[in-house]
Amino acid sequence: MSLDATLPPSHDASEAPTVEEPTESLVTLRLGTEWYALPIVKARAAVRCSPLTPLPSVPSHIAGIVNLRGEILSVTDLRRLFHLPALPVTAESRLVIVEDDGMQTALLADAVGEVIAVPVTAFEPPLTTLDAGQVEYIERVCRWKQRLIAVLRIERLLAGTASSGARGESPDQ
């Protein structure tokens, strides 16, 4: 998936709004040169990547499980999910622990950026150039500091992890 596509002209959400408008707080994360975000209310923590235990018969985007403070979590490798080239885990790599409706997982990212407050009027629908398998995980997009940021659909990531992991299928099946 490449988010480097050009959107129609719109304002950059990082520019100061002229009037007080509602915002949504997002945590940004990077995969290579592409930027993603998730609502801060869905993020529990961002931690260094600890050793993962691989599991047999799981979808390819499940990198394994991790023991985080006594809690066993599945790890979703966003690079694999979005068909990006594999990279080794580095000192910048992070696990972002997300939770929605009592379900949780860890998302493996190349790096975590910053928490940003984006005006709600700055959001646009996902790019029409994304394939159906990718767009189902993207809720919307926005511009921030000259970057195009795709906001992840956490409930879909968790649903795909839970249902496909239980059957050993990929979420696309």
C-alpha atoms as a PDB file:
ATOM      1  CA  MET A   1       0.000   0.000   0.000  1.00  0.00           C
ATOM      2  CA  SER A   2       1.357   3.407  -0.791  1.00  0.00           C
ATOM      3  CA  LEU A   3       0.004   6.489   0.847  1.00  0.00           C
ATOM      4  CA  ASP A   4       2.278   8.732  -1.186  1.00  0.00           C
ATOM      5  CA  ALA A   5      -0.583   9.463  -3.578  1.00  0.00           C
ATOM      6  CA  THR A   6      -1.687  13.043  -3.957  1.00  0.00           C
ATOM      7  CA  LEU A   7      -4.993  14.096  -2.496  1.00  0.00           C
ATOM      8  CA  PRO A   8      -7.081  16.858  -3.971  1.00  0.00           C
ATOM      9  CA  PRO A   9      -6.148  20.267  -2.561  1.00  0.00           C
ATOM     10  CA  SER A  10      -7.218  20.636   1.056  1.00  0.00           C
ATOM     11  CA  HIS A  11      -5.873  22.323   4.120  1.00  0.00           C
ATOM     12  CA  ASP A  12      -3.080  20.811   6.188  1.00  0.00           C
ATOM     13  CA  ALA A  13      -4.514  19.863   9.599  1.00  0.00           C
ATOM     14  CA  SER A  14      -1.304  21.045  11.287  1.00  0.00           C
ATOM     15  CA  GLU A  15      -2.032  24.633  10.263  1.00  0.00           C
ATOM     16  CA  ALA A  16      -3.554  26.623  13.107  1.00  0.00           C
ATOM     17  CA  PRO A  17      -7.336  26.823  12.743  1.00  0.00           C
ATOM     18  CA  THR A  18      -8.758  30.321  12.645  1.00  0.00           C
ATOM     19  CA  VAL A  19     -11.683  29.480  14.945  1.00  0.00           C
ATOM     20  CA  GLU A  20     -11.925  26.984  17.746  1.00  0.00           C
ATOM     21  CA  GLU A  21     -13.144  23.759  16.169  1.00  0.00           C
ATOM     22  CA  PRO A  22     -13.497  20.244  17.561  1.00  0.00           C
ATOM     23  CA  THR A  23     -10.426  18.037  17.265  1.00  0.00           C
ATOM     24  CA  GLU A  24      -9.608  14.365  17.606  1.00  0.00           C
ATOM     25  CA  SER A  25      -6.405  13.231  19.315  1.00  0.00           C
ATOM     26  CA  LEU A  26      -4.423  10.610  17.412  1.00  0.00           C
ATOM     27  CA  VAL A  27      -1.218   8.678  18.055  1.00  0.00           C
ATOM     28  CA  THR A  28       0.935   8.554  14.915  1.00  0.00           C
ATOM     29  CA  LEU A  29       3.115   5.651  13.876  1.00  0.00           C
ATOM     30  CA  ARG A  30       5.407   5.031  10.949  1.00  0.00           C
ATOM     31  CA  LEU A  31       5.874   2.075   8.615  1.00  0.00           C
ATOM     32  CA  GLY A  32       8.818   2.913   6.362  1.00  0.00           C
ATOM     33  CA  THR A  33       7.972   6.289   4.833  1.00  0.00           C
ATOM     34  CA  GLU A  34       4.224   5.925   5.357  1.00  0.00           C
ATOM     35  CA  TRP A  35       2.372   7.412   8.331  1.00  0.00           C
ATOM     36  CA  TYR A  36      -0.622   5.960  10.122  1.00  0.00           C
ATOM     37  CA  ALA A  37      -2.550   6.947  13.227  1.00  0.00           C
ATOM     38  CA  LEU A  38      -5.070   5.619  15.662  1.00  0.00           C
ATOM     39  CA  PRO A  39      -7.399   7.348  18.091  1.00  0.00           C
ATOM     40  CA  ILE A  40      -5.605   7.939  21.385  1.00  0.00           C
ATOM     41  CA  VAL A  41      -8.619   6.563  23.272  1.00  0.00           C
ATOM     42  CA  LYS A  42      -7.881   3.141  21.706  1.00  0.00           C
ATOM     43  CA  ALA A  43      -4.148   3.163  22.608  1.00  0.00           C
ATOM     44  CA  ARG A  44      -3.114   1.710  25.957  1.00  0.00           C
ATOM     45  CA  ALA A  45       0.669   1.955  25.613  1.00  0.00           C
ATOM     46  CA  ALA A  46       3.634   2.059  23.253  1.00  0.00           C
ATOM     47  CA  VAL A  47       6.541  -0.132  24.346  1.00  0.00           C
ATOM     48  CA  ARG A  48       9.831  -1.368  22.952  1.00  0.00           C
ATOM     49  CA  CYS A  49       9.497  -4.545  20.966  1.00  0.00           C
ATOM     50  CA  SER A  50      10.292  -7.535  23.147  1.00  0.00           C
ATOM     51  CA  PRO A  51      10.987 -11.021  21.765  1.00  0.00           C
ATOM     52  CA  LEU A  52       8.002 -12.526  19.977  1.00  0.00           C
ATOM     53  CA  THR A  53       6.950 -16.154  20.151  1.00  0.00           C
ATOM     54  CA  PRO A  54       5.810 -17.352  16.716  1.00  0.00           C
ATOM     55  CA  LEU A  55       2.611 -19.369  16.456  1.00  0.00           C
ATOM     56  CA  PRO A  56       1.770 -22.083  13.925  1.00  0.00           C
ATOM     57  CA  SER A  57      -1.335 -21.940  11.725  1.00  0.00           C
ATOM     58  CA  VAL A  58      -2.075 -18.222  12.080  1.00  0.00           C
ATOM     59  CA  PRO A  59      -2.552 -15.627   9.343  1.00  0.00           C
ATOM     60  CA  SER A  60       0.698 -14.262   7.927  1.00  0.00           C
ATOM     61  CA  HIS A  61       0.126 -10.818   9.463  1.00  0.00           C
ATOM     62  CA  ILE A  62       0.181 -12.275  12.995  1.00  0.00           C
ATOM     63  CA  ALA A  63       3.863 -12.093  13.936  1.00  0.00           C
ATOM     64  CA  GLY A  64       3.336 -14.102  17.115  1.00  0.00           C
ATOM     65  CA  ILE A  65       2.555 -13.426  20.750  1.00  0.00           C
ATOM     66  CA  VAL A  66       4.309 -11.411  23.416  1.00  0.00           C
ATOM     67  CA  ASN A  67       4.217 -11.486  27.204  1.00  0.00           C
ATOM     68  CA  LEU A  68       3.697  -7.912  28.328  1.00  0.00           C
ATOM     69  CA  ARG A  69       3.729  -7.559  32.098  1.00  0.00           C
ATOM     70  CA  GLY A  70       2.188 -10.995  32.525  1.00  0.00           C
ATOM     71  CA  GLU A  71      -0.438 -10.450  29.833  1.00  0.00           C
ATOM     72  CA  ILE A  72      -0.219 -12.522  26.623  1.00  0.00           C
ATOM     73  CA  LEU A  73      -1.056 -10.474  23.510  1.00  0.00           C
ATOM     74  CA  SER A  74      -1.105 -11.331  19.837  1.00  0.00           C
ATOM     75  CA  VAL A  75       1.126  -9.125  17.696  1.00  0.00           C
ATOM     76  CA  THR A  76      -0.191  -7.814  14.386  1.00  0.00           C
ATOM     77  CA  ASP A  77       2.614  -6.921  11.981  1.00  0.00           C
ATOM     78  CA  LEU A  78       1.206  -3.935  10.097  1.00  0.00           C
ATOM     79  CA  ARG A  79       3.899  -4.253   7.411  1.00  0.00           C
ATOM     80  CA  ARG A  80       2.675  -7.749   6.532  1.00  0.00           C
ATOM     81  CA  LEU A  81      -0.961  -6.680   6.720  1.00  0.00           C
ATOM     82  CA  PHE A  82      -0.370  -3.844   4.239  1.00  0.00           C
ATOM     83  CA  HIS A  83       1.946  -5.920   2.005  1.00  0.00           C
ATOM     84  CA  LEU A  84       5.006  -3.744   2.692  1.00  0.00           C
ATOM     85  CA  PRO A  85       8.540  -5.169   2.466  1.00  0.00           C
ATOM     86  CA  ALA A  86       9.660  -6.902   5.659  1.00  0.00           C
ATOM     87  CA  LEU A  87      12.235  -5.144   7.812  1.00  0.00           C
ATOM     88  CA  PRO A  88      14.042  -6.373  10.897  1.00  0.00           C
ATOM     89  CA  VAL A  89      13.009  -5.052  14.306  1.00  0.00           C
ATOM     90  CA  THR A  90      15.207  -2.079  15.283  1.00  0.00           C
ATOM     91  CA  ALA A  91      15.749   0.067  18.371  1.00  0.00           C
ATOM     92  CA  GLU A  92      12.995   2.384  17.043  1.00  0.00           C
ATOM     93  CA  SER A  93      10.459  -0.439  16.562  1.00  0.00           C
ATOM     94  CA  ARG A  94       7.507  -0.290  18.924  1.00  0.00           C
ATOM     95  CA  LEU A  95       4.530  -2.350  19.939  1.00  0.00           C
ATOM     96  CA  VAL A  96       1.433  -0.191  20.236  1.00  0.00           C
ATOM     97  CA  ILE A  97      -1.070  -1.874  22.517  1.00  0.00           C
ATOM     98  CA  VAL A  98      -4.615  -1.146  21.350  1.00  0.00           C
ATOM     99  CA  GLU A  99      -7.949  -2.013  22.874  1.00  0.00           C
ATOM    100  CA  ASP A 100     -11.533  -1.760  21.717  1.00  0.00           C
ATOM    101  CA  ASP A 101     -14.645  -3.277  23.235  1.00  0.00           C
ATOM    102  CA  GLY A 102     -12.645  -5.475  25.617  1.00  0.00           C
ATOM    103  CA  MET A 103     -10.400  -6.936  22.889  1.00  0.00           C
ATOM    104  CA  GLN A 104      -6.748  -6.032  22.548  1.00  0.00           C
ATOM    105  CA  THR A 105      -3.684  -6.671  20.445  1.00  0.00           C
ATOM    106  CA  ALA A 106      -0.215  -5.243  19.908  1.00  0.00           C
ATOM    107  CA  LEU A 107       0.546  -3.521  16.609  1.00  0.00           C
ATOM    108  CA  LEU A 108       4.146  -3.763  15.422  1.00  0.00           C
ATOM    109  CA  ALA A 109       5.318  -0.451  13.935  1.00  0.00           C
ATOM    110  CA  ASP A 110       8.693   0.840  12.745  1.00  0.00           C
ATOM    111  CA  ALA A 111       8.361   3.840  15.064  1.00  0.00           C
ATOM    112  CA  VAL A 112       5.831   5.815  17.074  1.00  0.00           C
ATOM    113  CA  GLY A 113       5.578   9.507  16.250  1.00  0.00           C
ATOM    114  CA  GLU A 114       3.643  12.008  18.295  1.00  0.00           C
ATOM    115  CA  VAL A 115       0.178  12.648  19.654  1.00  0.00           C
ATOM    116  CA  ILE A 116      -1.604  15.135  17.396  1.00  0.00           C
ATOM    117  CA  ALA A 117      -4.919  16.979  17.638  1.00  0.00           C
ATOM    118  CA  VAL A 118      -6.552  17.019  14.202  1.00  0.00           C
ATOM    119  CA  PRO A 119      -9.572  19.226  13.450  1.00  0.00           C
ATOM    120  CA  VAL A 120     -12.499  16.937  12.605  1.00  0.00           C
ATOM    121  CA  THR A 121     -13.065  18.893   9.384  1.00  0.00           C
ATOM    122  CA  ALA A 122      -9.599  17.835   8.124  1.00  0.00           C
ATOM    123  CA  PHE A 123     -10.535  14.171   7.722  1.00  0.00           C
ATOM    124  CA  GLU A 124     -11.304  12.736   4.294  1.00  0.00           C
ATOM    125  CA  PRO A 125     -12.436   9.285   3.151  1.00  0.00           C
ATOM    126  CA  PRO A 126      -9.737   6.703   2.353  1.00  0.00           C
ATOM    127  CA  LEU A 127      -8.073   6.973  -1.025  1.00  0.00           C
ATOM    128  CA  THR A 128      -9.981   5.236  -3.799  1.00  0.00           C
ATOM    129  CA  THR A 129      -6.691   3.896  -5.173  1.00  0.00           C
ATOM    130  CA  LEU A 130      -6.279   1.456  -2.259  1.00  0.00           C
ATOM    131  CA  ASP A 131      -7.279  -2.132  -2.895  1.00  0.00           C
ATOM    132  CA  ALA A 132     -10.259  -3.520  -0.971  1.00  0.00           C
ATOM    133  CA  GLY A 133      -8.067  -5.661   1.262  1.00  0.00           C
ATOM    134  CA  GLN A 134      -6.224  -2.571   2.500  1.00  0.00           C
ATOM    135  CA  VAL A 135      -9.006   0.000   2.622  1.00  0.00           C
ATOM    136  CA  GLU A 136     -11.015  -2.112   5.062  1.00  0.00           C
ATOM    137  CA  TYR A 137      -8.350  -1.296   7.695  1.00  0.00           C
ATOM    138  CA  ILE A 138      -8.263   2.442   6.895  1.00  0.00           C
ATOM    139  CA  GLU A 139     -11.061   4.545   8.348  1.00  0.00           C
ATOM    140  CA  ARG A 140     -10.067   7.936   6.904  1.00  0.00           C
ATOM    141  CA  VAL A 141      -7.073  10.091   6.036  1.00  0.00           C
ATOM    142  CA  CYS A 142      -5.792  13.572   6.856  1.00  0.00           C
ATOM    143  CA  ARG A 143      -2.807  15.783   6.164  1.00  0.00           C
ATOM    144  CA  TRP A 144      -0.450  16.698   8.992  1.00  0.00           C
ATOM    145  CA  LYS A 145       2.836  18.597   8.558  1.00  0.00           C
ATOM    146  CA  GLN A 146       2.924  17.839   4.822  1.00  0.00           C
ATOM    147  CA  ARG A 147       2.317  14.131   5.505  1.00  0.00           C
ATOM    148  CA  LEU A 148      -0.636  12.050   4.475  1.00  0.00           C
ATOM    149  CA  ILE A 149      -1.778  10.061   7.506  1.00  0.00           C
ATOM    150  CA  ALA A 150      -4.095   7.071   7.296  1.00  0.00           C
ATOM    151  CA  VAL A 151      -6.227   6.544  10.400  1.00  0.00           C
ATOM    152  CA  LEU A 152      -6.481   2.863  11.238  1.00  0.00           C
ATOM    153  CA  ARG A 153      -9.830   1.173  11.840  1.00  0.00           C
ATOM    154  CA  ILE A 154      -8.934  -0.497  15.149  1.00  0.00           C
ATOM    155  CA  GLU A 155     -12.194  -2.403  15.508  1.00  0.00           C
ATOM    156  CA  ARG A 156     -11.568  -4.052  12.106  1.00  0.00           C
ATOM    157  CA  LEU A 157      -7.970  -4.901  13.017  1.00  0.00           C
ATOM    158  CA  LEU A 158      -9.173  -6.533  16.222  1.00  0.00           C
ATOM    159  CA  ALA A 159     -12.063  -8.346  14.511  1.00  0.00           C
ATOM    160  CA  GLY A 160      -9.728  -9.688  11.807  1.00  0.00           C
ATOM    161  CA  THR A 161      -7.209 -10.823  14.410  1.00  0.00           C
ATOM    162  CA  ALA A 162      -9.828 -12.545  16.566  1.00  0.00           C
ATOM    163  CA  SER A 163     -11.856 -14.273  13.859  1.00  0.00           C
ATOM    164  CA  SER A 164      -9.042 -15.227  11.501  1.00  0.00           C
ATOM    165  CA  GLY A 165      -6.649 -16.178  14.271  1.00  0.00           C
ATOM    166  CA  ALA A 166      -9.147 -18.617  15.670  1.00  0.00           C
ATOM    167  CA  ARG A 167      -9.543 -20.341  12.308  1.00  0.00           C
ATOM    168  CA  GLY A 168      -5.976 -19.941  11.034  1.00  0.00           C
ATOM    169  CA  GLU A 169      -7.115 -17.965   7.980  1.00  0.00           C
ATOM    170  CA  SER A 170      -6.066 -14.638   6.638  1.00  0.00           C
ATOM    171  CA  PRO A 171      -8.619 -11.823   7.141  1.00  0.00           C
ATOM    172  CA  ASP A 172      -9.005 -11.547   3.358  1.00  0.00           C
ATOM    173  CA  GLN A 173     -10.559 -15.035   3.108  1.00  0.00           C
END
